[in-house]
Amino acid sequence: MNQTEVIYNAECPICSREVGAYRRHAQARGLPIRFSPLDGANLARWGLSAEDAARRFHVVQDGRLISGVPAFAALWSAMPRYRWLAWLVTRPGLRGVAGWGYDRLAAPLLYAMHRRRQARALHKRAAGG
């Protein structure tokens, strides 16, 4: 099995919690999956800026960058316990619905929350706190 690399936003509490569960599962089973937070990933290698990377979930598998629901499916397919989810979200009828839900709802919402956290942290630093 080839190495899979998950590139995720460690500053996002929701993303960190979910990726943490995947990490624990992968480590307990010795799966060849690496987990790289945005600040530790070589984003330029994949043509990603930090902002682009924060907007979506990314996986590198077989030397190619995958994002969004296909990235989740790639990760899930590399983990025996989650393969059923990969199968499910790649079914013809559900693939479009899952992609739409992630692209139009989940990803923009998580990114907006990320931007608000960044703005609060910047404001707090500017205020001397």
N, C-alpha and C. Protein backbone atom coordinates (compact mmCIF):
# COMPACT_ATOMS: atom_id res chain seq x y z
N MET A 1 0.85 -1.19 0.00
CA MET A 1 0.00 0.00 0.00
C MET A 1 0.89 1.24 0.00
N ASN A 2 0.56 2.20 -0.83
CA ASN A 2 1.32 3.44 -0.91
C ASN A 2 1.01 4.34 0.27
N GLN A 3 1.94 5.24 0.52
CA GLN A 3 1.78 6.22 1.60
C GLN A 3 0.64 7.17 1.26
N THR A 4 -0.14 7.47 2.25
CA THR A 4 -1.21 8.46 2.14
C THR A 4 -0.85 9.58 3.10
N GLU A 5 -0.96 10.81 2.64
CA GLU A 5 -0.71 11.97 3.50
C GLU A 5 -1.98 12.80 3.60
N VAL A 6 -2.39 13.07 4.82
CA VAL A 6 -3.55 13.90 5.09
C VAL A 6 -3.06 15.29 5.44
N ILE A 7 -3.52 16.29 4.71
CA ILE A 7 -3.18 17.69 4.99
C ILE A 7 -4.43 18.33 5.58
N TYR A 8 -4.31 18.81 6.80
CA TYR A 8 -5.52 19.29 7.48
C TYR A 8 -5.23 20.56 8.29
N ASN A 9 -6.29 21.24 8.64
CA ASN A 9 -6.21 22.48 9.41
C ASN A 9 -6.25 22.14 10.91
N ALA A 10 -5.09 22.10 11.53
CA ALA A 10 -5.00 21.75 12.95
C ALA A 10 -5.58 22.84 13.85
N GLU A 11 -5.76 24.05 13.33
CA GLU A 11 -6.35 25.13 14.12
C GLU A 11 -7.86 25.00 14.23
N CYS A 12 -8.45 24.18 13.38
CA CYS A 12 -9.89 23.97 13.40
C CYS A 12 -10.21 22.87 14.40
N PRO A 13 -10.96 23.18 15.46
CA PRO A 13 -11.25 22.16 16.47
C PRO A 13 -12.04 20.98 15.92
N ILE A 14 -12.92 21.23 14.98
CA ILE A 14 -13.71 20.14 14.38
C ILE A 14 -12.80 19.26 13.53
N CYS A 15 -11.97 19.90 12.70
CA CYS A 15 -11.05 19.15 11.83
C CYS A 15 -10.06 18.35 12.68
N SER A 16 -9.51 18.98 13.70
CA SER A 16 -8.53 18.31 14.56
C SER A 16 -9.12 17.10 15.26
N ARG A 17 -10.35 17.23 15.72
CA ARG A 17 -11.01 16.12 16.41
C ARG A 17 -11.22 14.95 15.45
N GLU A 18 -11.73 15.26 14.26
CA GLU A 18 -11.98 14.19 13.29
C GLU A 18 -10.67 13.54 12.82
N VAL A 19 -9.69 14.37 12.47
CA VAL A 19 -8.41 13.82 12.01
C VAL A 19 -7.72 13.07 13.15
N GLY A 20 -7.89 13.53 14.37
CA GLY A 20 -7.33 12.82 15.52
C GLY A 20 -7.85 11.39 15.61
N ALA A 21 -9.13 11.21 15.34
CA ALA A 21 -9.71 9.86 15.36
C ALA A 21 -9.11 9.01 14.25
N TYR A 22 -8.93 9.60 13.08
CA TYR A 22 -8.30 8.86 11.97
C TYR A 22 -6.85 8.52 12.32
N ARG A 23 -6.14 9.47 12.92
CA ARG A 23 -4.74 9.24 13.29
C ARG A 23 -4.63 8.09 14.29
N ARG A 24 -5.45 8.12 15.32
CA ARG A 24 -5.40 7.05 16.32
C ARG A 24 -5.68 5.68 15.68
N HIS A 25 -6.67 5.65 14.81
CA HIS A 25 -7.02 4.40 14.12
C HIS A 25 -5.85 3.92 13.26
N ALA A 26 -5.25 4.82 12.51
CA ALA A 26 -4.14 4.45 11.62
C ALA A 26 -2.92 4.00 12.41
N GLN A 27 -2.60 4.72 13.48
CA GLN A 27 -1.42 4.37 14.28
C GLN A 27 -1.61 3.03 14.99
N ALA A 28 -2.80 2.79 15.50
CA ALA A 28 -3.06 1.53 16.21
C ALA A 28 -2.92 0.32 15.28
N ARG A 29 -3.11 0.55 14.00
CA ARG A 29 -3.04 -0.56 13.03
C ARG A 29 -1.79 -0.51 12.17
N GLY A 30 -0.92 0.45 12.43
CA GLY A 30 0.32 0.56 11.66
C GLY A 30 0.10 0.88 10.19
N LEU A 31 -0.95 1.64 9.90
CA LEU A 31 -1.26 1.97 8.50
C LEU A 31 -0.30 3.05 7.99
N PRO A 32 0.08 2.99 6.73
CA PRO A 32 1.02 3.97 6.16
C PRO A 32 0.33 5.29 5.82
N ILE A 33 -0.13 5.97 6.85
CA ILE A 33 -0.82 7.25 6.66
C ILE A 33 -0.10 8.28 7.51
N ARG A 34 0.26 9.39 6.89
CA ARG A 34 0.92 10.50 7.58
C ARG A 34 -0.08 11.65 7.69
N PHE A 35 -0.05 12.33 8.81
CA PHE A 35 -0.97 13.43 9.08
C PHE A 35 -0.16 14.70 9.22
N SER A 36 -0.39 15.66 8.32
CA SER A 36 0.40 16.89 8.30
C SER A 36 -0.51 18.10 8.48
N PRO A 37 -0.33 18.82 9.59
CA PRO A 37 -1.09 20.07 9.73
C PRO A 37 -0.61 21.07 8.67
N LEU A 38 -1.44 22.05 8.38
CA LEU A 38 -1.11 23.02 7.33
C LEU A 38 0.26 23.64 7.51
N ASP A 39 0.62 23.97 8.75
CA ASP A 39 1.90 24.63 8.97
C ASP A 39 3.08 23.67 8.87
N GLY A 40 2.83 22.36 8.80
CA GLY A 40 3.92 21.39 8.69
C GLY A 40 3.97 20.71 7.33
N ALA A 41 3.00 21.00 6.48
CA ALA A 41 2.94 20.36 5.16
C ALA A 41 3.70 21.19 4.14
N ASN A 42 4.23 20.53 3.15
CA ASN A 42 4.91 21.21 2.06
C ASN A 42 3.85 21.62 1.03
N LEU A 43 3.14 22.69 1.32
CA LEU A 43 2.00 23.10 0.49
C LEU A 43 2.44 23.54 -0.90
N ALA A 44 3.58 24.23 -0.99
CA ALA A 44 4.05 24.72 -2.28
C ALA A 44 4.27 23.58 -3.26
N ARG A 45 4.69 22.45 -2.75
CA ARG A 45 4.91 21.28 -3.61
C ARG A 45 3.65 20.92 -4.38
N TRP A 46 2.52 21.18 -3.78
CA TRP A 46 1.24 20.83 -4.40
C TRP A 46 0.52 22.05 -4.99
N GLY A 47 1.21 23.19 -5.02
CA GLY A 47 0.60 24.39 -5.59
C GLY A 47 -0.48 24.99 -4.73
N LEU A 48 -0.40 24.74 -3.42
CA LEU A 48 -1.41 25.25 -2.49
C LEU A 48 -0.85 26.38 -1.65
N SER A 49 -1.64 27.41 -1.47
CA SER A 49 -1.31 28.43 -0.47
C SER A 49 -1.93 27.96 0.85
N ALA A 50 -1.53 28.59 1.94
CA ALA A 50 -2.12 28.23 3.24
C ALA A 50 -3.63 28.48 3.23
N GLU A 51 -4.06 29.55 2.57
CA GLU A 51 -5.50 29.85 2.51
C GLU A 51 -6.24 28.80 1.69
N ASP A 52 -5.68 28.42 0.54
CA ASP A 52 -6.32 27.39 -0.28
C ASP A 52 -6.42 26.08 0.50
N ALA A 53 -5.35 25.74 1.20
CA ALA A 53 -5.32 24.49 1.97
C ALA A 53 -6.33 24.52 3.11
N ALA A 54 -6.54 25.69 3.71
CA ALA A 54 -7.49 25.81 4.83
C ALA A 54 -8.94 25.72 4.36
N ARG A 55 -9.17 25.95 3.10
CA ARG A 55 -10.54 25.95 2.58
C ARG A 55 -11.15 24.56 2.43
N ARG A 56 -10.30 23.54 2.28
CA ARG A 56 -10.80 22.19 1.99
C ARG A 56 -9.91 21.14 2.64
N PHE A 57 -10.40 19.94 2.72
CA PHE A 57 -9.66 18.79 3.21
C PHE A 57 -8.86 18.21 2.04
N HIS A 58 -7.59 17.91 2.29
CA HIS A 58 -6.71 17.43 1.22
C HIS A 58 -6.01 16.14 1.63
N VAL A 59 -5.83 15.26 0.67
CA VAL A 59 -5.08 14.03 0.83
C VAL A 59 -4.17 13.88 -0.38
N VAL A 60 -2.94 13.46 -0.12
CA VAL A 60 -2.03 13.12 -1.20
C VAL A 60 -1.93 11.61 -1.21
N GLN A 61 -2.25 11.02 -2.35
CA GLN A 61 -2.22 9.57 -2.46
C GLN A 61 -1.73 9.21 -3.86
N ASP A 62 -0.82 8.25 -3.93
CA ASP A 62 -0.24 7.84 -5.21
C ASP A 62 0.35 9.03 -5.96
N GLY A 63 0.93 9.97 -5.22
CA GLY A 63 1.58 11.12 -5.83
C GLY A 63 0.66 12.18 -6.40
N ARG A 64 -0.62 12.12 -6.05
CA ARG A 64 -1.53 13.16 -6.55
C ARG A 64 -2.33 13.77 -5.41
N LEU A 65 -2.61 15.06 -5.56
CA LEU A 65 -3.37 15.80 -4.57
C LEU A 65 -4.85 15.62 -4.85
N ILE A 66 -5.59 15.26 -3.81
CA ILE A 66 -7.04 15.05 -3.90
C ILE A 66 -7.68 15.96 -2.85
N SER A 67 -8.80 16.59 -3.17
CA SER A 67 -9.44 17.46 -2.18
C SER A 67 -10.94 17.22 -2.13
N GLY A 68 -11.53 17.70 -1.03
CA GLY A 68 -12.97 17.57 -0.84
C GLY A 68 -13.40 16.15 -0.51
N VAL A 69 -14.60 15.79 -0.93
CA VAL A 69 -15.14 14.46 -0.66
C VAL A 69 -14.27 13.36 -1.27
N PRO A 70 -13.72 13.55 -2.47
CA PRO A 70 -12.81 12.51 -2.97
C PRO A 70 -11.60 12.29 -2.06
N ALA A 71 -11.15 13.33 -1.36
CA ALA A 71 -10.04 13.18 -0.41
C ALA A 71 -10.47 12.33 0.78
N PHE A 72 -11.66 12.59 1.29
CA PHE A 72 -12.18 11.76 2.38
C PHE A 72 -12.28 10.31 1.91
N ALA A 73 -12.81 10.09 0.71
CA ALA A 73 -12.95 8.73 0.18
C ALA A 73 -11.59 8.06 0.04
N ALA A 74 -10.57 8.80 -0.40
CA ALA A 74 -9.22 8.23 -0.53
C ALA A 74 -8.68 7.82 0.84
N LEU A 75 -8.87 8.69 1.83
CA LEU A 75 -8.41 8.37 3.18
C LEU A 75 -9.16 7.17 3.73
N TRP A 76 -10.48 7.21 3.64
CA TRP A 76 -11.29 6.12 4.17
C TRP A 76 -10.96 4.79 3.50
N SER A 77 -10.67 4.83 2.21
CA SER A 77 -10.36 3.57 1.51
C SER A 77 -9.03 2.98 1.98
N ALA A 78 -8.16 3.80 2.59
CA ALA A 78 -6.87 3.33 3.11
C ALA A 78 -6.98 2.78 4.53
N MET A 79 -8.16 2.87 5.12
CA MET A 79 -8.36 2.42 6.51
C MET A 79 -9.49 1.39 6.54
N PRO A 80 -9.16 0.13 6.87
CA PRO A 80 -10.17 -0.93 6.82
C PRO A 80 -11.49 -0.60 7.52
N ARG A 81 -11.43 0.01 8.66
CA ARG A 81 -12.65 0.30 9.42
C ARG A 81 -13.57 1.30 8.70
N TYR A 82 -13.00 2.14 7.85
CA TYR A 82 -13.76 3.21 7.20
C TYR A 82 -14.03 2.94 5.72
N ARG A 83 -13.62 1.81 5.21
CA ARG A 83 -13.79 1.55 3.77
C ARG A 83 -15.25 1.61 3.33
N TRP A 84 -16.15 1.23 4.22
CA TRP A 84 -17.57 1.28 3.85
C TRP A 84 -18.01 2.71 3.56
N LEU A 85 -17.43 3.69 4.29
CA LEU A 85 -17.76 5.10 4.02
C LEU A 85 -17.25 5.52 2.64
N ALA A 86 -16.04 5.09 2.29
CA ALA A 86 -15.49 5.39 0.97
C ALA A 86 -16.41 4.81 -0.11
N TRP A 87 -16.82 3.58 0.09
CA TRP A 87 -17.73 2.94 -0.87
C TRP A 87 -19.03 3.73 -0.98
N LEU A 88 -19.56 4.14 0.18
CA LEU A 88 -20.84 4.84 0.21
C LEU A 88 -20.80 6.17 -0.53
N VAL A 89 -19.79 7.00 -0.23
CA VAL A 89 -19.76 8.34 -0.84
C VAL A 89 -19.31 8.34 -2.29
N THR A 90 -18.91 7.17 -2.80
CA THR A 90 -18.54 7.10 -4.21
C THR A 90 -19.63 6.46 -5.06
N ARG A 91 -20.77 6.13 -4.45
CA ARG A 91 -21.90 5.60 -5.22
C ARG A 91 -22.41 6.72 -6.11
N PRO A 92 -22.80 6.40 -7.35
CA PRO A 92 -23.21 7.44 -8.30
C PRO A 92 -24.23 8.44 -7.77
N GLY A 93 -25.28 8.02 -7.14
CA GLY A 93 -26.28 8.97 -6.65
C GLY A 93 -25.81 9.78 -5.46
N LEU A 94 -25.06 9.15 -4.58
CA LEU A 94 -24.63 9.81 -3.35
C LEU A 94 -23.40 10.69 -3.55
N ARG A 95 -22.57 10.35 -4.55
CA ARG A 95 -21.35 11.12 -4.81
C ARG A 95 -21.67 12.60 -5.03
N GLY A 96 -22.67 12.88 -5.84
CA GLY A 96 -23.04 14.26 -6.12
C GLY A 96 -23.61 14.97 -4.90
N VAL A 97 -24.44 14.28 -4.15
CA VAL A 97 -25.04 14.86 -2.95
C VAL A 97 -23.96 15.15 -1.90
N ALA A 98 -23.08 14.18 -1.68
CA ALA A 98 -22.00 14.36 -0.70
C ALA A 98 -21.08 15.50 -1.13
N GLY A 99 -20.73 15.54 -2.41
CA GLY A 99 -19.87 16.60 -2.92
C GLY A 99 -20.52 17.97 -2.77
N TRP A 100 -21.80 18.05 -3.12
CA TRP A 100 -22.52 19.31 -2.99
C TRP A 100 -22.56 19.76 -1.52
N GLY A 101 -22.88 18.83 -0.63
CA GLY A 101 -22.97 19.17 0.80
C GLY A 101 -21.64 19.65 1.35
N TYR A 102 -20.56 18.99 0.95
CA TYR A 102 -19.24 19.41 1.43
C TYR A 102 -18.83 20.74 0.79
N ASP A 103 -18.94 20.82 -0.54
CA ASP A 103 -18.49 22.02 -1.26
C ASP A 103 -19.31 23.26 -0.96
N ARG A 104 -20.60 23.09 -0.77
CA ARG A 104 -21.49 24.25 -0.61
C ARG A 104 -21.83 24.58 0.84
N LEU A 105 -21.72 23.58 1.72
CA LEU A 105 -22.12 23.81 3.11
C LEU A 105 -20.95 23.63 4.09
N ALA A 106 -20.45 22.42 4.21
CA ALA A 106 -19.46 22.11 5.25
C ALA A 106 -18.16 22.88 5.07
N ALA A 107 -17.55 22.80 3.91
CA ALA A 107 -16.25 23.46 3.71
C ALA A 107 -16.34 24.98 3.88
N PRO A 108 -17.32 25.65 3.27
CA PRO A 108 -17.41 27.10 3.48
C PRO A 108 -17.66 27.48 4.94
N LEU A 109 -18.48 26.70 5.63
CA LEU A 109 -18.76 26.98 7.04
C LEU A 109 -17.50 26.81 7.88
N LEU A 110 -16.77 25.71 7.70
CA LEU A 110 -15.54 25.49 8.45
C LEU A 110 -14.50 26.56 8.14
N TYR A 111 -14.42 26.97 6.86
CA TYR A 111 -13.46 28.01 6.49
C TYR A 111 -13.85 29.36 7.12
N ALA A 112 -15.13 29.68 7.13
CA ALA A 112 -15.57 30.93 7.76
C ALA A 112 -15.25 30.92 9.25
N MET A 113 -15.43 29.79 9.90
CA MET A 113 -15.09 29.68 11.32
C MET A 113 -13.57 29.85 11.51
N HIS A 114 -12.79 29.30 10.60
CA HIS A 114 -11.33 29.45 10.63
C HIS A 114 -10.94 30.92 10.52
N ARG A 115 -11.55 31.63 9.59
CA ARG A 115 -11.25 33.07 9.40
C ARG A 115 -11.63 33.88 10.65
N ARG A 116 -12.75 33.54 11.27
CA ARG A 116 -13.15 34.24 12.50
C ARG A 116 -12.15 33.99 13.62
N ARG A 117 -11.67 32.75 13.76
CA ARG A 117 -10.66 32.45 14.78
C ARG A 117 -9.39 33.25 14.51
N GLN A 118 -8.99 33.32 13.25
CA GLN A 118 -7.80 34.10 12.90
C GLN A 118 -7.99 35.58 13.22
N ALA A 119 -9.15 36.12 12.89
CA ALA A 119 -9.42 37.53 13.16
C ALA A 119 -9.43 37.82 14.66
N ARG A 120 -10.03 36.93 15.45
CA ARG A 120 -10.03 37.12 16.90
C ARG A 120 -8.62 37.07 17.46
N ALA A 121 -7.81 36.13 16.99
CA ALA A 121 -6.43 36.02 17.47
C ALA A 121 -5.63 37.25 17.09
N LEU A 122 -5.83 37.77 15.90
CA LEU A 122 -5.13 38.98 15.45
C LEU A 122 -5.57 40.18 16.30
N HIS A 123 -6.86 40.28 16.55
CA HIS A 123 -7.38 41.38 17.37
C HIS A 123 -6.83 41.29 18.79
N LYS A 124 -6.77 40.10 19.31
CA LYS A 124 -6.27 39.90 20.68
C LYS A 124 -4.78 40.29 20.76
N ARG A 125 -4.00 39.89 19.74
CA ARG A 125 -2.58 40.27 19.72
C ARG A 125 -2.42 41.77 19.59
N ALA A 126 -3.24 42.40 18.77
CA ALA A 126 -3.15 43.85 18.58
C ALA A 126 -3.52 44.59 19.86
N ALA A 127 -4.41 44.00 20.65
CA ALA A 127 -4.84 44.63 21.90
C ALA A 127 -3.85 44.36 23.03
N GLY A 128 -2.82 43.56 22.71
CA GLY A 128 -1.82 43.28 23.74
C GLY A 128 -2.16 42.12 24.64
N GLY A 129 -3.12 41.30 24.21
CA GLY A 129 -3.54 40.20 25.08
C GLY A 129 -3.14 38.89 24.64
